[in-house]
């Protein structure tokens, strides 16, 4: 699940990111876990059908994580 979340988060960002695939996967896993925790706090983690709000939290966190990592690594040759 973390791989898919990381890739979806990366796809939401415009332009090219200077972040590798492995880093994207790690960010995706962290975003999936943190997004699930946040959805649990707001009591929207377990709904009938697809948990769209939880998925939105996870993808948003992955996008912020990839963007932050890109900003940190962007100037590295």
N, C-alpha and C. Protein backbone atom coordinates (compact mmCIF):
# COMPACT_ATOMS: atom_id res chain seq x y z
N UNK A 1 0.83 -1.19 0.00
CA UNK A 1 0.00 0.00 0.00
C UNK A 1 0.87 1.25 0.00
N UNK A 2 1.99 1.21 0.71
CA UNK A 2 2.87 2.36 0.77
C UNK A 2 3.46 2.74 -0.57
N UNK A 3 3.72 1.73 -1.40
CA UNK A 3 4.25 2.00 -2.74
C UNK A 3 3.23 2.79 -3.55
N UNK A 4 1.98 2.35 -3.52
CA UNK A 4 0.93 3.03 -4.28
C UNK A 4 0.70 4.44 -3.75
N UNK A 5 0.69 4.60 -2.44
CA UNK A 5 0.48 5.93 -1.84
C UNK A 5 1.63 6.85 -2.22
N UNK A 6 2.86 6.37 -2.16
CA UNK A 6 4.01 7.19 -2.53
C UNK A 6 3.95 7.62 -3.99
N UNK A 7 3.59 6.70 -4.86
CA UNK A 7 3.50 7.05 -6.28
C UNK A 7 2.36 8.02 -6.56
N UNK A 8 1.21 7.82 -5.92
CA UNK A 8 0.09 8.74 -6.10
C UNK A 8 0.43 10.13 -5.56
N UNK A 9 1.12 10.17 -4.42
CA UNK A 9 1.54 11.45 -3.87
C UNK A 9 2.51 12.17 -4.80
N UNK A 10 3.40 11.39 -5.40
CA UNK A 10 4.37 11.98 -6.34
C UNK A 10 3.68 12.47 -7.61
N UNK A 11 2.67 11.75 -8.07
CA UNK A 11 1.95 12.14 -9.29
C UNK A 11 1.14 13.42 -9.10
N UNK A 12 0.79 13.74 -7.87
CA UNK A 12 0.01 14.97 -7.63
C UNK A 12 0.88 16.22 -7.71
N UNK A 13 2.18 16.04 -7.66
CA UNK A 13 3.09 17.19 -7.71
C UNK A 13 3.42 17.55 -9.15
N UNK A 14 3.43 18.84 -9.46
CA UNK A 14 3.79 19.24 -10.83
C UNK A 14 5.30 19.18 -11.05
N UNK A 15 5.70 18.95 -12.26
CA UNK A 15 7.12 18.98 -12.61
C UNK A 15 7.86 17.73 -12.20
N UNK A 16 9.18 17.84 -12.30
CA UNK A 16 10.06 16.71 -12.00
C UNK A 16 10.58 16.83 -10.57
N UNK A 17 10.62 15.69 -9.89
CA UNK A 17 11.18 15.64 -8.54
C UNK A 17 12.51 14.91 -8.58
N UNK A 18 13.45 15.37 -7.78
CA UNK A 18 14.78 14.76 -7.72
C UNK A 18 14.84 13.78 -6.56
N UNK A 19 13.86 12.90 -6.50
CA UNK A 19 13.75 11.91 -5.43
C UNK A 19 13.70 10.54 -6.09
N UNK A 20 14.48 9.62 -5.56
CA UNK A 20 14.53 8.28 -6.13
C UNK A 20 13.30 7.45 -5.80
N UNK A 21 13.20 6.31 -6.46
CA UNK A 21 12.06 5.42 -6.28
C UNK A 21 12.02 4.87 -4.85
N UNK A 22 13.16 4.48 -4.33
CA UNK A 22 13.21 3.93 -2.98
C UNK A 22 12.77 4.97 -1.95
N UNK A 23 13.21 6.20 -2.12
CA UNK A 23 12.79 7.28 -1.22
C UNK A 23 11.30 7.53 -1.32
N UNK A 24 10.76 7.45 -2.53
CA UNK A 24 9.32 7.63 -2.73
C UNK A 24 8.54 6.53 -2.02
N UNK A 25 9.05 5.31 -2.08
CA UNK A 25 8.39 4.19 -1.41
C UNK A 25 8.42 4.37 0.10
N UNK A 26 9.56 4.77 0.64
CA UNK A 26 9.68 4.99 2.09
C UNK A 26 8.74 6.10 2.54
N UNK A 27 8.69 7.19 1.78
CA UNK A 27 7.77 8.28 2.11
C UNK A 27 6.33 7.79 2.03
N UNK A 28 6.02 6.97 1.03
CA UNK A 28 4.67 6.43 0.88
C UNK A 28 4.27 5.55 2.04
N UNK A 29 5.17 4.72 2.51
CA UNK A 29 4.88 3.85 3.66
C UNK A 29 4.62 4.70 4.90
N UNK A 30 5.49 5.68 5.14
CA UNK A 30 5.31 6.57 6.29
C UNK A 30 3.99 7.35 6.18
N UNK A 31 3.68 7.83 4.99
CA UNK A 31 2.44 8.59 4.79
C UNK A 31 1.22 7.71 4.98
N UNK A 32 1.30 6.45 4.56
CA UNK A 32 0.17 5.53 4.74
C UNK A 32 -0.08 5.28 6.22
N UNK A 33 0.97 5.06 6.98
CA UNK A 33 0.81 4.82 8.41
C UNK A 33 0.31 6.07 9.14
N UNK A 34 0.91 7.21 8.84
CA UNK A 34 0.51 8.46 9.50
C UNK A 34 -0.89 8.88 9.07
N UNK A 35 -1.22 8.70 7.81
CA UNK A 35 -2.56 9.04 7.32
C UNK A 35 -3.64 8.19 7.97
N UNK A 36 -3.34 6.91 8.19
CA UNK A 36 -4.28 6.04 8.88
C UNK A 36 -4.48 6.48 10.32
N UNK A 37 -3.38 6.88 10.98
CA UNK A 37 -3.49 7.37 12.35
C UNK A 37 -4.32 8.65 12.43
N UNK A 38 -4.09 9.56 11.51
CA UNK A 38 -4.85 10.81 11.50
C UNK A 38 -6.33 10.55 11.21
N UNK A 39 -6.60 9.64 10.29
CA UNK A 39 -7.99 9.28 9.98
C UNK A 39 -8.66 8.64 11.20
N UNK A 40 -7.89 7.89 11.97
CA UNK A 40 -8.42 7.30 13.20
C UNK A 40 -8.77 8.35 14.23
N UNK A 41 -7.96 9.39 14.32
CA UNK A 41 -8.23 10.48 15.26
C UNK A 41 -9.54 11.17 14.90
N UNK A 42 -9.78 11.36 13.61
CA UNK A 42 -11.01 12.01 13.15
C UNK A 42 -12.17 11.02 12.98
N UNK A 43 -11.95 9.76 13.35
CA UNK A 43 -12.96 8.70 13.31
C UNK A 43 -13.50 8.47 11.90
N UNK A 44 -12.65 8.54 10.91
CA UNK A 44 -13.05 8.26 9.52
C UNK A 44 -12.20 7.15 8.91
N UNK A 45 -11.50 6.40 9.75
CA UNK A 45 -10.61 5.35 9.24
C UNK A 45 -11.39 4.12 8.79
N UNK A 46 -12.49 3.82 9.45
CA UNK A 46 -13.28 2.63 9.11
C UNK A 46 -14.69 3.05 8.72
N UNK A 47 -14.91 3.12 7.42
CA UNK A 47 -16.23 3.45 6.91
C UNK A 47 -16.69 2.32 6.00
N UNK A 48 -17.93 2.35 5.60
CA UNK A 48 -18.42 1.36 4.66
C UNK A 48 -17.88 1.68 3.28
N UNK A 49 -17.38 0.67 2.58
CA UNK A 49 -16.84 0.89 1.25
C UNK A 49 -15.41 1.39 1.31
N UNK A 50 -15.06 2.19 0.33
CA UNK A 50 -13.69 2.73 0.23
C UNK A 50 -13.55 3.90 1.21
N UNK A 51 -12.45 3.92 1.92
CA UNK A 51 -12.18 5.00 2.88
C UNK A 51 -11.52 6.17 2.15
N UNK A 52 -12.33 6.96 1.46
CA UNK A 52 -11.81 8.03 0.62
C UNK A 52 -11.09 9.11 1.42
N UNK A 53 -11.61 9.43 2.59
CA UNK A 53 -10.99 10.49 3.40
C UNK A 53 -9.63 10.03 3.91
N UNK A 54 -9.55 8.79 4.35
CA UNK A 54 -8.26 8.24 4.79
C UNK A 54 -7.27 8.23 3.63
N UNK A 55 -7.71 7.84 2.47
CA UNK A 55 -6.85 7.82 1.28
C UNK A 55 -6.38 9.23 0.93
N UNK A 56 -7.25 10.21 1.07
CA UNK A 56 -6.88 11.60 0.79
C UNK A 56 -5.81 12.09 1.77
N UNK A 57 -5.97 11.74 3.06
CA UNK A 57 -4.95 12.08 4.05
C UNK A 57 -3.60 11.47 3.66
N UNK A 58 -3.61 10.20 3.28
CA UNK A 58 -2.39 9.50 2.96
C UNK A 58 -1.70 10.09 1.73
N UNK A 59 -2.46 10.38 0.69
CA UNK A 59 -1.87 10.93 -0.54
C UNK A 59 -1.35 12.33 -0.29
N UNK A 60 -2.09 13.14 0.46
CA UNK A 60 -1.62 14.50 0.77
C UNK A 60 -0.32 14.46 1.57
N UNK A 61 -0.25 13.57 2.55
CA UNK A 61 0.98 13.45 3.33
C UNK A 61 2.15 12.97 2.47
N UNK A 62 1.88 12.06 1.55
CA UNK A 62 2.93 11.58 0.65
C UNK A 62 3.41 12.70 -0.26
N UNK A 63 2.48 13.52 -0.75
CA UNK A 63 2.86 14.65 -1.61
C UNK A 63 3.72 15.63 -0.84
N UNK A 64 3.33 15.94 0.40
CA UNK A 64 4.13 16.85 1.22
C UNK A 64 5.50 16.25 1.52
N UNK A 65 5.53 14.94 1.78
CA UNK A 65 6.80 14.27 2.08
C UNK A 65 7.74 14.26 0.89
N UNK A 66 7.22 13.94 -0.29
CA UNK A 66 8.05 13.92 -1.49
C UNK A 66 8.51 15.33 -1.84
N UNK A 67 7.63 16.32 -1.70
CA UNK A 67 8.00 17.71 -1.99
C UNK A 67 9.07 18.19 -1.01
N UNK A 68 8.92 17.84 0.26
CA UNK A 68 9.92 18.23 1.25
C UNK A 68 11.26 17.57 1.00
N UNK A 69 11.23 16.30 0.66
CA UNK A 69 12.46 15.59 0.37
C UNK A 69 13.11 16.12 -0.91
N UNK A 70 12.29 16.46 -1.89
CA UNK A 70 12.82 17.04 -3.13
C UNK A 70 13.49 18.38 -2.84
N UNK A 71 12.89 19.15 -1.96
CA UNK A 71 13.48 20.45 -1.60
C UNK A 71 14.83 20.27 -0.90
N UNK A 72 14.91 19.24 -0.06
CA UNK A 72 16.17 18.97 0.64
C UNK A 72 17.26 18.45 -0.31
N UNK A 73 16.85 17.60 -1.26
CA UNK A 73 17.82 16.96 -2.15
C UNK A 73 17.94 17.64 -3.51
N UNK A 74 17.16 18.69 -3.75
CA UNK A 74 17.10 19.32 -5.07
C UNK A 74 18.41 19.91 -5.54
N UNK A 75 19.24 20.40 -4.64
CA UNK A 75 20.48 21.05 -5.03
C UNK A 75 21.67 20.10 -5.09
N UNK A 76 21.44 18.84 -4.75
CA UNK A 76 22.52 17.86 -4.77
C UNK A 76 22.71 17.38 -6.21
N UNK A 77 23.93 17.42 -6.72
CA UNK A 77 24.17 16.99 -8.10
C UNK A 77 24.01 15.50 -8.30
